[in-house]
């Protein structure tokens, strides 16, 4: 599958490394302990990707979905700890806010102006997708000023 904004080609998806039967990943944490840690990190304001990275680094849980039986995002939705907005949309909005601050200081920066347009295009495409899937309400729109307030309140 080709990339959207470049002339390069790329892989369509990432794959987990193959594990044969002789290799066992020992985490030392049980299912309940892993679930408790995930909820604790979520209450601290971390998103699902950050929680997964922290579990991997600090607690040696390589694949949390195999430990708890479901993905972190789905687990957080069941526990009603998930954010109102999806994590990938929030990440793109944070990137757009940072680019917007940079462009306000450096008006002649053409490459980052183009990057800002590309990032906002990705946000609009994701918004359409999430509205279609029912994750976002039908009248939800991306507004750079509101995004700045939202991202500032999150950090």
Protein backbone atom coordinates (compact mmCIF):
# COMPACT_ATOMS: atom_id res chain seq x y z
CA UNK A 1 0.00 0.00 0.00
CA UNK A 2 1.36 3.43 -0.90
CA UNK A 3 1.77 6.29 1.52
CA UNK A 4 -0.65 9.16 1.22
CA UNK A 5 1.50 12.30 1.13
CA UNK A 6 4.79 10.98 -0.23
CA UNK A 7 5.92 9.07 -3.30
CA UNK A 8 7.26 6.23 -1.16
CA UNK A 9 5.75 2.80 -0.73
CA UNK A 10 5.31 1.14 2.61
CA UNK A 11 4.10 -1.91 4.45
CA UNK A 12 0.38 -2.08 5.03
CA UNK A 13 0.55 -3.30 8.62
CA UNK A 14 2.90 -4.19 11.41
CA UNK A 15 3.20 -7.73 12.64
CA UNK A 16 4.17 -9.18 15.99
CA UNK A 17 7.31 -11.30 16.03
CA UNK A 18 6.79 -15.02 15.60
CA UNK A 19 7.04 -16.97 18.84
CA UNK A 20 7.71 -20.66 18.67
CA UNK A 21 6.49 -23.06 21.33
CA UNK A 22 9.85 -23.24 23.13
CA UNK A 23 9.96 -19.49 23.88
CA UNK A 24 7.81 -18.33 26.76
CA UNK A 25 7.56 -14.72 27.82
CA UNK A 26 7.42 -14.49 31.58
CA UNK A 27 5.92 -11.29 32.92
CA UNK A 28 5.57 -12.18 36.58
CA UNK A 29 2.17 -10.43 36.68
CA UNK A 30 -1.17 -12.15 36.72
CA UNK A 31 -4.32 -11.04 34.96
CA UNK A 32 -5.78 -9.18 37.96
CA UNK A 33 -2.51 -7.40 38.72
CA UNK A 34 -2.14 -6.28 35.09
CA UNK A 35 -5.74 -5.02 35.03
CA UNK A 36 -5.18 -3.09 38.25
CA UNK A 37 -2.05 -1.45 36.85
CA UNK A 38 -3.85 -0.49 33.61
CA UNK A 39 -6.70 1.17 35.53
CA UNK A 40 -4.21 2.95 37.79
CA UNK A 41 -2.28 4.38 34.82
CA UNK A 42 -5.52 5.38 33.13
CA UNK A 43 -6.58 7.37 36.20
CA UNK A 44 -3.24 9.19 35.99
CA UNK A 45 -4.31 10.42 32.54
CA UNK A 46 -2.29 8.10 30.31
CA UNK A 47 -3.65 6.88 27.00
CA UNK A 48 -3.74 3.24 25.86
CA UNK A 49 -0.50 3.47 23.86
CA UNK A 50 1.39 5.05 26.75
CA UNK A 51 0.02 2.42 29.11
CA UNK A 52 1.19 -0.34 26.77
CA UNK A 53 4.67 1.16 26.53
CA UNK A 54 4.92 1.52 30.31
CA UNK A 55 3.77 -2.08 30.84
CA UNK A 56 6.38 -3.24 28.36
CA UNK A 57 9.25 -1.24 29.89
CA UNK A 58 8.60 -1.35 33.62
CA UNK A 59 6.55 -4.50 34.19
CA UNK A 60 7.90 -6.73 31.38
CA UNK A 61 4.42 -7.42 29.95
CA UNK A 62 5.18 -7.76 26.24
CA UNK A 63 1.62 -8.31 24.96
CA UNK A 64 -1.03 -7.03 27.41
CA UNK A 65 -3.82 -8.27 25.14
CA UNK A 66 -2.68 -11.87 25.60
CA UNK A 67 -2.47 -11.37 29.38
CA UNK A 68 -5.87 -9.75 29.94
CA UNK A 69 -7.63 -11.32 26.97
CA UNK A 70 -8.50 -8.08 25.14
CA UNK A 71 -6.86 -4.91 23.89
CA UNK A 72 -6.16 -2.12 26.37
CA UNK A 73 -8.59 0.29 24.71
CA UNK A 74 -11.46 -2.20 24.83
CA UNK A 75 -10.64 -3.05 28.45
CA UNK A 76 -10.70 0.66 29.40
CA UNK A 77 -14.05 1.14 27.65
CA UNK A 78 -15.52 -1.73 29.66
CA UNK A 79 -14.19 -0.22 32.88
CA UNK A 80 -15.49 3.22 31.74
CA UNK A 81 -12.00 4.71 32.04
CA UNK A 82 -11.51 5.55 28.34
CA UNK A 83 -11.26 9.11 26.99
CA UNK A 84 -14.22 10.69 25.22
CA UNK A 85 -12.08 11.17 22.11
CA UNK A 86 -10.02 8.39 20.50
CA UNK A 87 -6.31 8.32 21.31
CA UNK A 88 -5.09 8.67 17.72
CA UNK A 89 -7.27 11.73 17.17
CA UNK A 90 -5.97 13.35 20.37
CA UNK A 91 -2.38 12.69 19.30
CA UNK A 92 -2.95 14.33 15.91
CA UNK A 93 -4.67 17.27 17.58
CA UNK A 94 -1.68 17.74 19.91
CA UNK A 95 0.63 17.69 16.91
CA UNK A 96 -1.54 20.29 15.15
CA UNK A 97 -1.55 22.53 18.22
CA UNK A 98 2.25 22.42 18.46
CA UNK A 99 2.62 23.13 14.74
CA UNK A 100 0.18 26.02 14.99
CA UNK A 101 2.19 27.60 17.84
CA UNK A 102 5.38 27.24 15.78
CA UNK A 103 3.78 28.76 12.66
CA UNK A 104 2.49 31.75 14.64
CA UNK A 105 6.07 32.54 15.71
CA UNK A 106 7.66 31.68 12.34
CA UNK A 107 5.31 32.85 9.60
CA UNK A 108 7.80 32.18 6.79
CA UNK A 109 8.20 28.47 7.58
CA UNK A 110 6.63 26.97 4.46
CA UNK A 111 7.49 23.32 5.13
CA UNK A 112 5.77 23.29 8.52
CA UNK A 113 2.81 25.17 7.05
CA UNK A 114 2.45 22.28 4.61
CA UNK A 115 2.85 19.79 7.47
CA UNK A 116 0.08 21.64 9.34
CA UNK A 117 -2.26 21.29 6.36
CA UNK A 118 -1.46 17.59 6.09
CA UNK A 119 -2.04 17.03 9.80
CA UNK A 120 -5.39 18.83 9.68
CA UNK A 121 -6.37 16.77 6.63
CA UNK A 122 -5.64 13.61 8.63
CA UNK A 123 -7.75 14.96 11.49
CA UNK A 124 -10.68 15.66 9.17
CA UNK A 125 -10.45 12.19 7.62
CA UNK A 126 -10.35 10.55 11.05
CA UNK A 127 -13.27 12.69 12.16
CA UNK A 128 -15.38 11.50 9.23
CA UNK A 129 -14.43 7.91 10.00
CA UNK A 130 -15.29 8.16 13.70
CA UNK A 131 -18.59 9.94 12.98
CA UNK A 132 -19.49 7.15 10.55
CA UNK A 133 -18.60 4.49 13.16
CA UNK A 134 -20.61 6.29 15.87
CA UNK A 135 -17.65 7.02 18.15
CA UNK A 136 -18.09 10.80 17.76
CA UNK A 137 -21.43 12.63 17.62
CA UNK A 138 -22.63 13.66 14.15
CA UNK A 139 -22.22 17.38 14.81
CA UNK A 140 -18.61 17.15 16.08
CA UNK A 141 -16.19 19.37 14.18
CA UNK A 142 -12.46 20.02 14.53
CA UNK A 143 -11.70 23.58 15.64
CA UNK A 144 -8.05 24.60 16.22
CA UNK A 145 -8.95 26.92 19.14
CA UNK A 146 -11.01 24.24 20.89
CA UNK A 147 -8.27 21.69 20.23
CA UNK A 148 -5.72 23.96 21.89
CA UNK A 149 -7.92 24.29 25.00
CA UNK A 150 -8.52 20.54 25.07
CA UNK A 151 -4.84 19.63 24.72
CA UNK A 152 -3.76 22.26 27.26
CA UNK A 153 -6.32 20.89 29.76
CA UNK A 154 -5.10 17.34 29.16
CA UNK A 155 -1.44 17.97 29.97
